[in-house]
């Protein structure tokens, strides 16, 4: 994860974050496993549906959660390191 901060005014800071593909995929797999544990699909016991079926049905939600978690982590890191 790389980030840059720009102080545009006394009270406004712009944070630009970039993630590597490996970082995104690692978090995506964590989110997929979280969804897999709680997802209920017809024909399968809760938590026992195959990952590829879970991914097909919930892909958009998993991607959104992945992005949110990565951005939260980057924001916390930037605040701590830059004393914002």
C-alpha atoms as a PDB file:
ATOM      1  CA  UNK A   1       0.000   0.000   0.000  1.00  0.00           C
ATOM      2  CA  UNK A   2       1.282   3.407  -0.955  1.00  0.00           C
ATOM      3  CA  UNK A   3      -0.340   6.661  -0.061  1.00  0.00           C
ATOM      4  CA  UNK A   4       0.295  10.348  -0.444  1.00  0.00           C
ATOM      5  CA  UNK A   5      -1.234  13.203   1.495  1.00  0.00           C
ATOM      6  CA  UNK A   6      -1.730  16.725   0.238  1.00  0.00           C
ATOM      7  CA  UNK A   7      -2.557  19.546   2.616  1.00  0.00           C
ATOM      8  CA  UNK A   8      -4.660  21.877   0.466  1.00  0.00           C
ATOM      9  CA  UNK A   9      -5.926  24.130   3.257  1.00  0.00           C
ATOM     10  CA  UNK A  10      -5.454  24.302   7.008  1.00  0.00           C
ATOM     11  CA  UNK A  11      -8.313  21.883   7.554  1.00  0.00           C
ATOM     12  CA  UNK A  12      -8.395  19.822   4.345  1.00  0.00           C
ATOM     13  CA  UNK A  13      -6.132  16.885   3.584  1.00  0.00           C
ATOM     14  CA  UNK A  14      -6.362  14.825   0.411  1.00  0.00           C
ATOM     15  CA  UNK A  15      -5.333  11.188   0.693  1.00  0.00           C
ATOM     16  CA  UNK A  16      -4.426   9.211  -2.415  1.00  0.00           C
ATOM     17  CA  UNK A  17      -4.031   5.468  -1.890  1.00  0.00           C
ATOM     18  CA  UNK A  18      -2.791   2.749  -4.221  1.00  0.00           C
ATOM     19  CA  UNK A  19      -2.801  -0.965  -3.496  1.00  0.00           C
ATOM     20  CA  UNK A  20      -0.959  -3.779  -5.162  1.00  0.00           C
ATOM     21  CA  UNK A  21      -2.890  -6.563  -6.795  1.00  0.00           C
ATOM     22  CA  UNK A  22      -1.605  -8.995  -4.152  1.00  0.00           C
ATOM     23  CA  UNK A  23      -2.944  -6.840  -1.321  1.00  0.00           C
ATOM     24  CA  UNK A  24      -6.335  -6.591  -2.994  1.00  0.00           C
ATOM     25  CA  UNK A  25      -6.533 -10.328  -3.677  1.00  0.00           C
ATOM     26  CA  UNK A  26      -5.547 -11.238  -0.115  1.00  0.00           C
ATOM     27  CA  UNK A  27      -8.285  -9.029   1.332  1.00  0.00           C
ATOM     28  CA  UNK A  28     -10.748 -10.263  -1.325  1.00  0.00           C
ATOM     29  CA  UNK A  29     -10.133 -13.858  -0.217  1.00  0.00           C
ATOM     30  CA  UNK A  30     -10.716 -12.883   3.432  1.00  0.00           C
ATOM     31  CA  UNK A  31     -14.000 -11.227   2.534  1.00  0.00           C
ATOM     32  CA  UNK A  32     -15.030 -14.214   0.410  1.00  0.00           C
ATOM     33  CA  UNK A  33     -14.428 -16.535   3.365  1.00  0.00           C
ATOM     34  CA  UNK A  34     -16.465 -14.268   5.649  1.00  0.00           C
ATOM     35  CA  UNK A  35     -19.380 -14.316   3.230  1.00  0.00           C
ATOM     36  CA  UNK A  36     -19.002 -18.048   2.688  1.00  0.00           C
ATOM     37  CA  UNK A  37     -19.344 -18.733   6.431  1.00  0.00           C
ATOM     38  CA  UNK A  38     -22.648 -16.901   6.710  1.00  0.00           C
ATOM     39  CA  UNK A  39     -24.227 -17.274   3.252  1.00  0.00           C
ATOM     40  CA  UNK A  40     -27.321 -19.400   2.899  1.00  0.00           C
ATOM     41  CA  UNK A  41     -27.856 -21.036  -0.476  1.00  0.00           C
ATOM     42  CA  UNK A  42     -30.515 -23.510  -1.479  1.00  0.00           C
ATOM     43  CA  UNK A  43     -29.220 -27.061  -1.454  1.00  0.00           C
ATOM     44  CA  UNK A  44     -26.336 -26.367   0.913  1.00  0.00           C
ATOM     45  CA  UNK A  45     -25.982 -26.144   4.656  1.00  0.00           C
ATOM     46  CA  UNK A  46     -24.967 -22.686   5.915  1.00  0.00           C
ATOM     47  CA  UNK A  47     -21.246 -22.221   5.361  1.00  0.00           C
ATOM     48  CA  UNK A  48     -20.919 -25.285   3.124  1.00  0.00           C
ATOM     49  CA  UNK A  49     -21.641 -23.795  -0.318  1.00  0.00           C
ATOM     50  CA  UNK A  50     -18.727 -23.885  -2.780  1.00  0.00           C
ATOM     51  CA  UNK A  51     -16.688 -20.692  -2.975  1.00  0.00           C
ATOM     52  CA  UNK A  52     -17.231 -20.322  -6.719  1.00  0.00           C
ATOM     53  CA  UNK A  53     -21.032 -20.249  -6.254  1.00  0.00           C
ATOM     54  CA  UNK A  54     -20.728 -17.765  -3.411  1.00  0.00           C
ATOM     55  CA  UNK A  55     -18.459 -15.606  -5.539  1.00  0.00           C
ATOM     56  CA  UNK A  56     -20.878 -15.657  -8.486  1.00  0.00           C
ATOM     57  CA  UNK A  57     -23.812 -14.546  -6.362  1.00  0.00           C
ATOM     58  CA  UNK A  58     -22.086 -12.046  -4.038  1.00  0.00           C
ATOM     59  CA  UNK A  59     -19.167 -10.767  -6.139  1.00  0.00           C
ATOM     60  CA  UNK A  60     -20.250  -7.114  -6.114  1.00  0.00           C
ATOM     61  CA  UNK A  61     -20.743  -7.107  -2.335  1.00  0.00           C
ATOM     62  CA  UNK A  62     -17.406  -8.828  -1.749  1.00  0.00           C
ATOM     63  CA  UNK A  63     -15.580  -6.288  -3.931  1.00  0.00           C
ATOM     64  CA  UNK A  64     -17.244  -3.365  -2.143  1.00  0.00           C
ATOM     65  CA  UNK A  65     -16.354  -4.767   1.290  1.00  0.00           C
ATOM     66  CA  UNK A  66     -12.782  -5.393   0.139  1.00  0.00           C
ATOM     67  CA  UNK A  67     -12.377  -1.809  -1.040  1.00  0.00           C
ATOM     68  CA  UNK A  68     -13.923  -0.467   2.151  1.00  0.00           C
ATOM     69  CA  UNK A  69     -11.644  -2.521   4.418  1.00  0.00           C
ATOM     70  CA  UNK A  70      -8.534  -1.530   2.466  1.00  0.00           C
ATOM     71  CA  UNK A  71      -9.473   2.150   2.540  1.00  0.00           C
ATOM     72  CA  UNK A  72     -10.182   2.025   6.278  1.00  0.00           C
ATOM     73  CA  UNK A  73      -6.806   0.429   6.894  1.00  0.00           C
ATOM     74  CA  UNK A  74      -5.061   3.044   4.730  1.00  0.00           C
ATOM     75  CA  UNK A  75      -6.855   5.905   6.460  1.00  0.00           C
ATOM     76  CA  UNK A  76      -5.916   4.666   9.924  1.00  0.00           C
ATOM     77  CA  UNK A  77      -2.309   4.145   8.847  1.00  0.00           C
ATOM     78  CA  UNK A  78      -2.082   7.621   7.319  1.00  0.00           C
ATOM     79  CA  UNK A  79      -3.614   9.279  10.381  1.00  0.00           C
ATOM     80  CA  UNK A  80      -1.171   7.545  12.709  1.00  0.00           C
ATOM     81  CA  UNK A  81       1.937   8.098  10.582  1.00  0.00           C
ATOM     82  CA  UNK A  82       1.209  11.729   9.657  1.00  0.00           C
ATOM     83  CA  UNK A  83      -0.324  12.716  13.008  1.00  0.00           C
ATOM     84  CA  UNK A  84      -3.459  14.057  11.359  1.00  0.00           C
END
